[in-house]
């Protein structure tokens, strides 16, 4: 029964991720093409941070929770180089949260940008915004050994400690 519910939940991920909205949602400014703001380019090329994963090649699923204490649970994840992970994410808080995968420098820069456009929402391969109670997913391939960061770049959240690390061995 539990396995059936898990399979059903994972089948709904595309619809839930779409429900989170687009990067342009909530503000009247273009999301991409602005100087210093092209998260789609960051997530489309192979890098030390990895690349969008293929759902047919998912090695395993990792459940992650975001909450209003400004924490991810778990906040530290272990994966193997070359592994494709499906993150099944739940916002158990009462306010919006997001998960963005990238380098710490990119995440900090994007958090600064989010201060200028606080209603920005993400639905790129490396990012998802979820409203209170929503669930969604990301599929990410970790190409090489090292540490890959993730954070909530909604204004004040990253600064309050809403960050995590994926240690790739």
N, C-alpha and C. Protein backbone atom coordinates (compact mmCIF):
# COMPACT_ATOMS: atom_id res chain seq x y z
N UNK A 1 0.82 -1.19 0.00
CA UNK A 1 0.00 0.00 0.00
C UNK A 1 0.87 1.26 0.00
N UNK A 2 1.88 1.27 0.90
CA UNK A 2 2.76 2.44 0.98
C UNK A 2 3.49 2.65 -0.34
N UNK A 3 3.94 1.53 -0.96
CA UNK A 3 4.65 1.63 -2.23
C UNK A 3 3.72 2.18 -3.32
N UNK A 4 2.47 1.73 -3.32
CA UNK A 4 1.49 2.22 -4.30
C UNK A 4 1.27 3.72 -4.13
N UNK A 5 1.13 4.17 -2.88
CA UNK A 5 0.94 5.59 -2.63
C UNK A 5 2.15 6.39 -3.08
N UNK A 6 3.35 5.86 -2.84
CA UNK A 6 4.57 6.55 -3.28
C UNK A 6 4.61 6.68 -4.79
N UNK A 7 4.25 5.61 -5.49
CA UNK A 7 4.25 5.64 -6.96
C UNK A 7 3.22 6.65 -7.45
N UNK A 8 2.02 6.64 -6.85
CA UNK A 8 1.00 7.60 -7.24
C UNK A 8 1.46 9.03 -6.98
N UNK A 9 2.11 9.25 -5.85
CA UNK A 9 2.59 10.60 -5.52
C UNK A 9 3.63 11.05 -6.52
N UNK A 10 4.54 10.16 -6.90
CA UNK A 10 5.59 10.53 -7.86
C UNK A 10 5.02 10.78 -9.25
N UNK A 11 3.92 10.11 -9.58
CA UNK A 11 3.30 10.34 -10.89
C UNK A 11 2.69 11.73 -10.98
N UNK A 12 2.36 12.32 -9.84
CA UNK A 12 1.74 13.64 -9.85
C UNK A 12 2.76 14.77 -9.82
N UNK A 13 4.04 14.45 -9.71
CA UNK A 13 5.07 15.49 -9.61
C UNK A 13 5.05 16.50 -10.75
N UNK A 14 4.93 16.09 -12.02
CA UNK A 14 4.93 17.11 -13.07
C UNK A 14 3.80 18.13 -12.90
N UNK A 15 2.62 17.66 -12.53
CA UNK A 15 1.49 18.59 -12.35
C UNK A 15 1.74 19.51 -11.16
N UNK A 16 2.29 18.96 -10.10
CA UNK A 16 2.56 19.78 -8.92
C UNK A 16 3.64 20.81 -9.20
N UNK A 17 4.67 20.40 -9.91
CA UNK A 17 5.74 21.35 -10.22
C UNK A 17 5.21 22.48 -11.09
N UNK A 18 4.35 22.14 -12.03
CA UNK A 18 3.75 23.16 -12.88
C UNK A 18 2.87 24.08 -12.06
N UNK A 19 2.20 23.55 -11.05
CA UNK A 19 1.34 24.36 -10.20
C UNK A 19 2.12 25.42 -9.45
N UNK A 20 3.42 25.23 -9.31
CA UNK A 20 4.23 26.20 -8.58
C UNK A 20 4.38 27.50 -9.34
N UNK A 21 4.08 27.50 -10.61
CA UNK A 21 4.15 28.74 -11.39
C UNK A 21 5.44 28.84 -12.17
N UNK A 22 5.55 29.92 -12.91
CA UNK A 22 6.73 30.13 -13.72
C UNK A 22 7.59 31.21 -13.12
N UNK A 23 8.78 31.33 -13.62
CA UNK A 23 9.72 32.31 -13.12
C UNK A 23 9.18 33.73 -13.30
N UNK A 24 8.38 33.94 -14.32
CA UNK A 24 7.84 35.28 -14.58
C UNK A 24 6.59 35.56 -13.75
N UNK A 25 6.03 34.52 -13.10
CA UNK A 25 4.80 34.71 -12.35
C UNK A 25 4.96 35.68 -11.19
N UNK A 26 3.97 36.56 -11.03
CA UNK A 26 3.94 37.40 -9.87
C UNK A 26 4.61 38.75 -10.02
N UNK A 27 5.28 39.02 -11.14
CA UNK A 27 5.85 40.34 -11.35
C UNK A 27 5.83 40.68 -12.82
N UNK A 28 5.97 41.93 -13.15
CA UNK A 28 5.83 42.36 -14.53
C UNK A 28 7.16 42.55 -15.24
N UNK A 29 8.20 41.92 -14.76
CA UNK A 29 9.51 42.07 -15.38
C UNK A 29 9.90 40.75 -16.03
N UNK A 30 10.64 40.81 -17.11
CA UNK A 30 11.07 39.57 -17.74
C UNK A 30 12.00 38.81 -16.81
N UNK A 31 11.88 37.50 -16.82
CA UNK A 31 12.69 36.70 -15.91
C UNK A 31 14.07 36.44 -16.48
N UNK A 32 14.16 36.18 -17.76
CA UNK A 32 15.46 35.82 -18.33
C UNK A 32 15.93 36.87 -19.31
N UNK A 33 17.23 36.92 -19.50
CA UNK A 33 17.79 37.90 -20.39
C UNK A 33 18.21 39.16 -19.66
N UNK A 34 17.88 39.25 -18.36
CA UNK A 34 18.32 40.40 -17.58
C UNK A 34 19.78 40.17 -17.21
N UNK A 35 20.58 41.20 -17.14
CA UNK A 35 21.97 41.03 -16.75
C UNK A 35 22.06 40.29 -15.42
N UNK A 36 22.89 39.26 -15.40
CA UNK A 36 23.11 38.51 -14.17
C UNK A 36 21.98 37.60 -13.76
N UNK A 37 20.96 37.47 -14.62
CA UNK A 37 19.84 36.62 -14.22
C UNK A 37 19.43 35.71 -15.37
N UNK A 38 20.13 34.64 -15.50
CA UNK A 38 19.70 33.64 -16.47
C UNK A 38 19.93 32.28 -15.86
N UNK A 39 19.06 31.94 -14.92
CA UNK A 39 19.16 30.67 -14.22
C UNK A 39 19.00 29.51 -15.19
N UNK A 40 18.30 29.71 -16.31
CA UNK A 40 18.12 28.62 -17.26
C UNK A 40 19.45 28.22 -17.88
N UNK A 41 20.31 29.17 -18.16
CA UNK A 41 21.63 28.85 -18.70
C UNK A 41 22.44 28.10 -17.67
N UNK A 42 22.36 28.55 -16.41
CA UNK A 42 23.11 27.90 -15.34
C UNK A 42 22.71 26.44 -15.24
N UNK A 43 21.43 26.12 -15.43
CA UNK A 43 20.97 24.76 -15.21
C UNK A 43 21.01 23.88 -16.46
N UNK A 44 21.31 24.42 -17.62
CA UNK A 44 21.25 23.64 -18.84
C UNK A 44 22.59 23.05 -19.26
N UNK A 45 23.68 23.51 -18.68
CA UNK A 45 24.98 23.01 -19.09
C UNK A 45 25.61 22.21 -17.97
N UNK A 46 26.45 21.24 -18.36
CA UNK A 46 27.15 20.45 -17.37
C UNK A 46 28.10 21.37 -16.61
N UNK A 47 28.14 21.21 -15.31
CA UNK A 47 29.01 22.04 -14.49
C UNK A 47 29.34 21.25 -13.23
N UNK A 48 30.20 21.81 -12.39
CA UNK A 48 30.47 21.12 -11.12
C UNK A 48 29.20 20.95 -10.28
N UNK A 49 28.17 21.73 -10.58
CA UNK A 49 26.91 21.63 -9.85
C UNK A 49 26.02 20.53 -10.40
N UNK A 50 26.32 20.01 -11.59
CA UNK A 50 25.51 18.98 -12.20
C UNK A 50 24.69 19.55 -13.34
N UNK A 51 23.64 18.80 -13.69
CA UNK A 51 22.78 19.20 -14.80
C UNK A 51 21.40 18.59 -14.62
N UNK A 52 20.41 19.10 -15.36
CA UNK A 52 19.07 18.51 -15.26
C UNK A 52 19.14 17.01 -15.54
N UNK A 53 18.41 16.25 -14.77
CA UNK A 53 18.43 14.80 -14.92
C UNK A 53 17.31 14.29 -15.81
N UNK A 54 17.51 13.09 -16.30
CA UNK A 54 16.53 12.39 -17.14
C UNK A 54 15.70 11.50 -16.22
N UNK A 55 14.37 11.65 -16.25
CA UNK A 55 13.51 10.88 -15.35
C UNK A 55 13.65 9.37 -15.57
N UNK A 56 14.02 8.95 -16.76
CA UNK A 56 14.20 7.52 -17.03
C UNK A 56 15.49 6.98 -16.40
N UNK A 57 16.36 7.87 -15.94
CA UNK A 57 17.65 7.44 -15.37
C UNK A 57 17.76 7.73 -13.88
N UNK A 58 16.64 7.98 -13.21
CA UNK A 58 16.66 8.27 -11.78
C UNK A 58 17.17 7.05 -11.02
N UNK A 59 18.20 7.25 -10.20
CA UNK A 59 18.78 6.19 -9.37
C UNK A 59 17.97 5.97 -8.11
N UNK A 60 17.51 7.10 -7.52
CA UNK A 60 16.73 7.01 -6.29
C UNK A 60 16.02 8.34 -6.04
N UNK A 61 15.08 8.28 -5.11
CA UNK A 61 14.31 9.46 -4.74
C UNK A 61 14.68 9.85 -3.31
N UNK A 62 14.90 11.14 -3.11
CA UNK A 62 15.19 11.65 -1.77
C UNK A 62 14.08 12.62 -1.41
N UNK A 63 13.42 12.36 -0.28
CA UNK A 63 12.37 13.24 0.20
C UNK A 63 12.99 14.37 1.01
N UNK A 64 12.50 15.57 0.78
CA UNK A 64 13.03 16.76 1.42
C UNK A 64 11.85 17.61 1.89
N UNK A 65 11.97 18.19 3.07
CA UNK A 65 10.93 19.05 3.61
C UNK A 65 11.48 20.45 3.82
N UNK A 66 10.68 21.46 3.49
CA UNK A 66 11.01 22.86 3.75
C UNK A 66 9.97 23.36 4.76
N UNK A 67 10.41 24.19 5.73
CA UNK A 67 9.43 24.68 6.70
C UNK A 67 9.73 26.11 7.13
N UNK A 68 8.86 26.64 7.96
CA UNK A 68 8.95 28.04 8.36
C UNK A 68 10.01 28.32 9.42
N UNK A 69 10.74 27.28 9.86
CA UNK A 69 11.90 27.52 10.73
C UNK A 69 13.11 27.87 9.87
N UNK A 70 12.86 28.00 8.55
CA UNK A 70 13.90 28.33 7.56
C UNK A 70 14.96 27.23 7.51
N UNK A 71 14.47 25.99 7.42
CA UNK A 71 15.36 24.84 7.34
C UNK A 71 14.85 23.86 6.29
N UNK A 72 15.81 23.14 5.70
CA UNK A 72 15.53 21.98 4.86
C UNK A 72 15.79 20.76 5.73
N UNK A 73 14.98 19.74 5.58
CA UNK A 73 15.22 18.47 6.27
C UNK A 73 15.14 17.36 5.23
N UNK A 74 16.24 16.64 4.98
CA UNK A 74 17.56 16.85 5.55
C UNK A 74 18.26 18.04 4.89
N UNK A 75 19.25 18.57 5.57
CA UNK A 75 20.01 19.70 5.02
C UNK A 75 21.34 19.25 4.44
N UNK A 76 21.69 18.00 4.67
CA UNK A 76 22.91 17.43 4.09
C UNK A 76 22.57 16.08 3.49
N UNK A 77 22.95 15.90 2.23
CA UNK A 77 22.59 14.71 1.47
C UNK A 77 23.84 14.13 0.84
N UNK A 78 23.94 12.82 0.83
CA UNK A 78 25.08 12.12 0.23
C UNK A 78 24.62 11.45 -1.07
N UNK A 79 25.36 11.66 -2.16
CA UNK A 79 25.09 10.98 -3.43
C UNK A 79 26.41 10.54 -4.04
N UNK A 80 26.31 9.70 -5.05
CA UNK A 80 27.50 9.26 -5.78
C UNK A 80 27.62 10.03 -7.08
N UNK A 81 28.85 10.29 -7.50
CA UNK A 81 29.08 10.98 -8.77
C UNK A 81 28.42 10.17 -9.89
N UNK A 82 27.70 10.85 -10.77
CA UNK A 82 27.00 10.20 -11.87
C UNK A 82 25.57 9.82 -11.54
N UNK A 83 25.20 9.94 -10.28
CA UNK A 83 23.86 9.55 -9.84
C UNK A 83 22.83 10.62 -10.23
N UNK A 84 21.65 10.15 -10.68
CA UNK A 84 20.53 11.03 -10.98
C UNK A 84 19.51 10.87 -9.87
N UNK A 85 19.21 11.99 -9.21
CA UNK A 85 18.34 11.98 -8.03
C UNK A 85 17.03 12.70 -8.33
N UNK A 86 15.94 12.10 -7.89
CA UNK A 86 14.65 12.78 -7.90
C UNK A 86 14.44 13.30 -6.48
N UNK A 87 14.35 14.61 -6.34
CA UNK A 87 14.03 15.22 -5.07
C UNK A 87 12.52 15.38 -5.01
N UNK A 88 11.91 14.77 -4.02
CA UNK A 88 10.47 14.92 -3.77
C UNK A 88 10.37 15.89 -2.60
N UNK A 89 9.88 17.10 -2.87
CA UNK A 89 9.97 18.21 -1.93
C UNK A 89 8.58 18.59 -1.44
N UNK A 90 8.48 18.82 -0.12
CA UNK A 90 7.20 19.27 0.45
C UNK A 90 7.45 20.55 1.24
N UNK A 91 6.61 21.53 1.01
CA UNK A 91 6.62 22.74 1.81
C UNK A 91 5.62 22.52 2.94
N UNK A 92 6.12 22.21 4.12
CA UNK A 92 5.23 21.96 5.25
C UNK A 92 4.95 23.23 6.05
N UNK A 93 5.43 24.37 5.53
CA UNK A 93 5.22 25.65 6.20
C UNK A 93 3.92 26.31 5.79
N UNK A 94 3.78 27.55 6.25
CA UNK A 94 2.58 28.34 5.96
C UNK A 94 2.87 29.49 5.00
N UNK A 95 4.13 29.58 4.55
CA UNK A 95 4.54 30.61 3.60
C UNK A 95 5.29 29.94 2.46
N UNK A 96 5.43 30.61 1.30
CA UNK A 96 6.17 30.00 0.18
C UNK A 96 7.64 29.77 0.53
N UNK A 97 8.18 28.71 -0.05
CA UNK A 97 9.61 28.40 0.04
C UNK A 97 10.03 27.86 -1.32
N UNK A 98 11.34 27.79 -1.54
CA UNK A 98 11.84 27.23 -2.79
C UNK A 98 13.11 26.46 -2.55
N UNK A 99 13.44 25.64 -3.51
CA UNK A 99 14.71 24.93 -3.52
C UNK A 99 15.37 25.27 -4.84
N UNK A 100 16.59 25.82 -4.75
CA UNK A 100 17.38 26.15 -5.93
C UNK A 100 18.72 25.47 -5.78
N UNK A 101 19.13 24.69 -6.79
CA UNK A 101 20.41 23.99 -6.78
C UNK A 101 21.42 24.81 -7.55
N UNK A 102 22.62 24.97 -7.00
CA UNK A 102 23.67 25.72 -7.70
C UNK A 102 24.89 25.92 -6.83
N UNK A 103 25.80 26.73 -7.30
CA UNK A 103 26.98 27.06 -6.49
C UNK A 103 26.56 28.08 -5.44
N UNK A 104 27.28 28.12 -4.34
CA UNK A 104 26.96 29.08 -3.29
C UNK A 104 27.02 30.51 -3.82
N UNK A 105 28.01 30.81 -4.68
CA UNK A 105 28.12 32.16 -5.26
C UNK A 105 26.89 32.50 -6.10
N UNK A 106 26.42 31.56 -6.95
CA UNK A 106 25.22 31.80 -7.76
C UNK A 106 23.98 31.98 -6.89
N UNK A 107 23.88 31.17 -5.84
CA UNK A 107 22.71 31.26 -4.96
C UNK A 107 22.68 32.59 -4.23
N UNK A 108 23.83 33.05 -3.75
CA UNK A 108 23.89 34.35 -3.06
C UNK A 108 23.53 35.48 -4.02
N UNK A 109 24.05 35.42 -5.24
CA UNK A 109 23.74 36.45 -6.24
C UNK A 109 22.25 36.45 -6.55
N UNK A 110 21.66 35.26 -6.67
CA UNK A 110 20.24 35.18 -6.97
C UNK A 110 19.40 35.66 -5.79
N UNK A 111 19.85 35.39 -4.58
CA UNK A 111 19.12 35.86 -3.40
C UNK A 111 19.07 37.39 -3.38
N UNK A 112 20.17 38.02 -3.79
CA UNK A 112 20.19 39.49 -3.87
C UNK A 112 19.19 39.98 -4.92
N UNK A 113 19.13 39.28 -6.03
CA UNK A 113 18.19 39.62 -7.09
C UNK A 113 16.74 39.46 -6.65
N UNK A 114 16.50 38.43 -5.85
CA UNK A 114 15.15 38.16 -5.35
C UNK A 114 14.66 39.29 -4.46
N UNK A 115 15.56 40.01 -3.83
CA UNK A 115 15.14 41.16 -3.01
C UNK A 115 14.49 42.23 -3.87
N UNK A 116 14.95 42.34 -5.13
CA UNK A 116 14.39 43.33 -6.05
C UNK A 116 13.06 42.86 -6.63
N UNK A 117 12.87 41.53 -6.71
CA UNK A 117 11.66 40.94 -7.29
C UNK A 117 11.17 39.82 -6.37
N UNK A 118 10.65 40.17 -5.19
CA UNK A 118 10.31 39.16 -4.19
C UNK A 118 9.20 38.18 -4.59
N UNK A 119 8.41 38.50 -5.59
CA UNK A 119 7.34 37.59 -5.99
C UNK A 119 7.75 36.61 -7.08
N UNK A 120 9.02 36.64 -7.46
CA UNK A 120 9.53 35.73 -8.48
C UNK A 120 9.34 34.29 -8.01
N UNK A 121 8.91 33.44 -8.94
CA UNK A 121 8.76 32.02 -8.64
C UNK A 121 9.58 31.24 -9.65
N UNK A 122 10.00 30.04 -9.25
CA UNK A 122 10.88 29.23 -10.09
C UNK A 122 10.21 27.94 -10.53
N UNK A 123 10.46 27.58 -11.77
CA UNK A 123 10.05 26.29 -12.30
C UNK A 123 11.05 25.88 -13.38
N UNK A 124 12.34 26.10 -13.10
CA UNK A 124 13.41 25.67 -13.98
C UNK A 124 13.90 24.30 -13.53
N UNK A 125 14.74 23.65 -14.32
CA UNK A 125 15.22 22.33 -13.92
C UNK A 125 15.96 22.33 -12.58
N UNK A 126 16.60 23.43 -12.21
CA UNK A 126 17.37 23.47 -10.96
C UNK A 126 16.65 24.22 -9.84
N UNK A 127 15.38 24.57 -10.03
CA UNK A 127 14.69 25.38 -9.04
C UNK A 127 13.19 25.14 -9.06
N UNK A 128 12.60 25.22 -7.86
CA UNK A 128 11.15 25.11 -7.76
C UNK A 128 10.67 25.95 -6.58
N UNK A 129 9.57 26.64 -6.78
CA UNK A 129 8.91 27.41 -5.73
C UNK A 129 7.64 26.68 -5.37
N UNK A 130 7.42 26.49 -4.07
CA UNK A 130 6.21 25.80 -3.61
C UNK A 130 5.50 26.66 -2.58
N UNK A 131 4.21 26.82 -2.76
CA UNK A 131 3.39 27.51 -1.77
C UNK A 131 3.15 26.60 -0.58
N UNK A 132 2.60 27.15 0.48
CA UNK A 132 2.31 26.38 1.70
C UNK A 132 1.54 25.11 1.36
N UNK A 133 2.02 23.99 1.88
CA UNK A 133 1.35 22.71 1.68
C UNK A 133 1.58 22.04 0.35
N UNK A 134 2.22 22.71 -0.60
CA UNK A 134 2.45 22.11 -1.92
C UNK A 134 3.60 21.11 -1.88
N UNK A 135 3.56 20.21 -2.85
CA UNK A 135 4.63 19.24 -3.08
C UNK A 135 5.07 19.38 -4.52
N UNK A 136 6.31 19.06 -4.77
CA UNK A 136 6.82 19.12 -6.13
C UNK A 136 8.12 18.35 -6.23
N UNK A 137 8.74 18.40 -7.38
CA UNK A 137 9.96 17.63 -7.54
C UNK A 137 10.94 18.24 -8.50
N UNK A 138 12.19 17.86 -8.30
CA UNK A 138 13.30 18.20 -9.19
C UNK A 138 14.06 16.92 -9.50
N UNK A 139 14.56 16.82 -10.71
CA UNK A 139 15.42 15.70 -11.07
C UNK A 139 16.76 16.29 -11.46
N UNK A 140 17.81 15.86 -10.78
CA UNK A 140 19.13 16.45 -10.98
C UNK A 140 20.19 15.36 -11.06
N UNK A 141 21.09 15.49 -12.02
CA UNK A 141 22.21 14.57 -12.18
C UNK A 141 23.46 15.24 -11.62
N UNK A 142 24.11 14.55 -10.70
CA UNK A 142 25.33 15.05 -10.07
C UNK A 142 26.51 14.42 -10.81
N UNK A 143 27.16 15.24 -11.65
CA UNK A 143 28.19 14.74 -12.56
C UNK A 143 29.52 14.39 -11.93
N UNK A 144 29.95 15.19 -10.95
CA UNK A 144 31.30 15.00 -10.43
C UNK A 144 31.36 15.18 -8.92
N UNK A 145 32.40 14.58 -8.34
CA UNK A 145 32.61 14.65 -6.90
C UNK A 145 32.79 16.10 -6.45
N UNK A 146 32.35 16.37 -5.24
CA UNK A 146 32.46 17.71 -4.67
C UNK A 146 31.23 18.03 -3.86
N UNK A 147 31.00 19.29 -3.61
CA UNK A 147 29.83 19.74 -2.85
C UNK A 147 28.98 20.64 -3.72
N UNK A 148 27.70 20.36 -3.77
CA UNK A 148 26.73 21.17 -4.51
C UNK A 148 25.78 21.75 -3.47
N UNK A 149 25.54 23.04 -3.57
CA UNK A 149 24.69 23.72 -2.60
C UNK A 149 23.25 23.82 -3.10
N UNK A 150 22.33 24.00 -2.18
CA UNK A 150 20.95 24.35 -2.51
C UNK A 150 20.46 25.30 -1.42
N UNK A 151 19.50 26.14 -1.79
CA UNK A 151 19.00 27.15 -0.86
C UNK A 151 17.63 27.63 -1.27
N UNK A 152 16.99 28.32 -0.33
CA UNK A 152 15.77 29.06 -0.62
C UNK A 152 16.21 30.51 -0.78
N UNK A 153 16.02 31.06 -1.97
CA UNK A 153 16.50 32.42 -2.23
C UNK A 153 15.39 33.47 -2.08
N UNK A 154 14.25 33.09 -1.51
CA UNK A 154 13.22 34.07 -1.19
C UNK A 154 13.83 35.04 -0.17
N UNK A 155 13.60 36.33 -0.33
CA UNK A 155 14.25 37.31 0.55
C UNK A 155 14.19 36.95 2.04
N UNK A 156 15.37 36.91 2.65
CA UNK A 156 15.52 36.63 4.07
C UNK A 156 15.65 35.17 4.43
N UNK A 157 15.22 34.26 3.57
CA UNK A 157 15.23 32.84 3.90
C UNK A 157 16.65 32.27 3.92
N UNK A 158 17.42 32.52 2.88
CA UNK A 158 18.79 32.01 2.82
C UNK A 158 19.61 32.62 3.97
N UNK A 159 19.40 33.91 4.19
CA UNK A 159 20.13 34.61 5.24
C UNK A 159 19.78 34.05 6.63
N UNK A 160 18.57 33.50 6.78
CA UNK A 160 18.14 32.93 8.05
C UNK A 160 18.61 31.49 8.22
N UNK A 161 19.32 30.96 7.22
CA UNK A 161 19.88 29.62 7.33
C UNK A 161 19.22 28.55 6.49
N UNK A 162 18.36 28.96 5.55
CA UNK A 162 17.66 27.97 4.72
C UNK A 162 18.56 27.57 3.55
N UNK A 163 19.55 26.74 3.89
CA UNK A 163 20.55 26.26 2.94
C UNK A 163 20.82 24.78 3.20
N UNK A 164 21.38 24.12 2.21
CA UNK A 164 21.76 22.73 2.36
C UNK A 164 22.89 22.38 1.42
N UNK A 165 23.42 21.17 1.59
CA UNK A 165 24.54 20.71 0.79
C UNK A 165 24.30 19.28 0.33
N UNK A 166 24.72 19.03 -0.91
CA UNK A 166 24.76 17.68 -1.44
C UNK A 166 26.23 17.33 -1.58
N UNK A 167 26.65 16.32 -0.84
CA UNK A 167 28.05 15.87 -0.92
C UNK A 167 28.11 14.73 -1.93
N UNK A 168 28.85 14.97 -3.00
CA UNK A 168 28.94 14.02 -4.10
C UNK A 168 30.28 13.29 -3.99
N UNK A 169 30.23 11.96 -3.80
CA UNK A 169 31.45 11.15 -3.65
C UNK A 169 31.75 10.39 -4.92
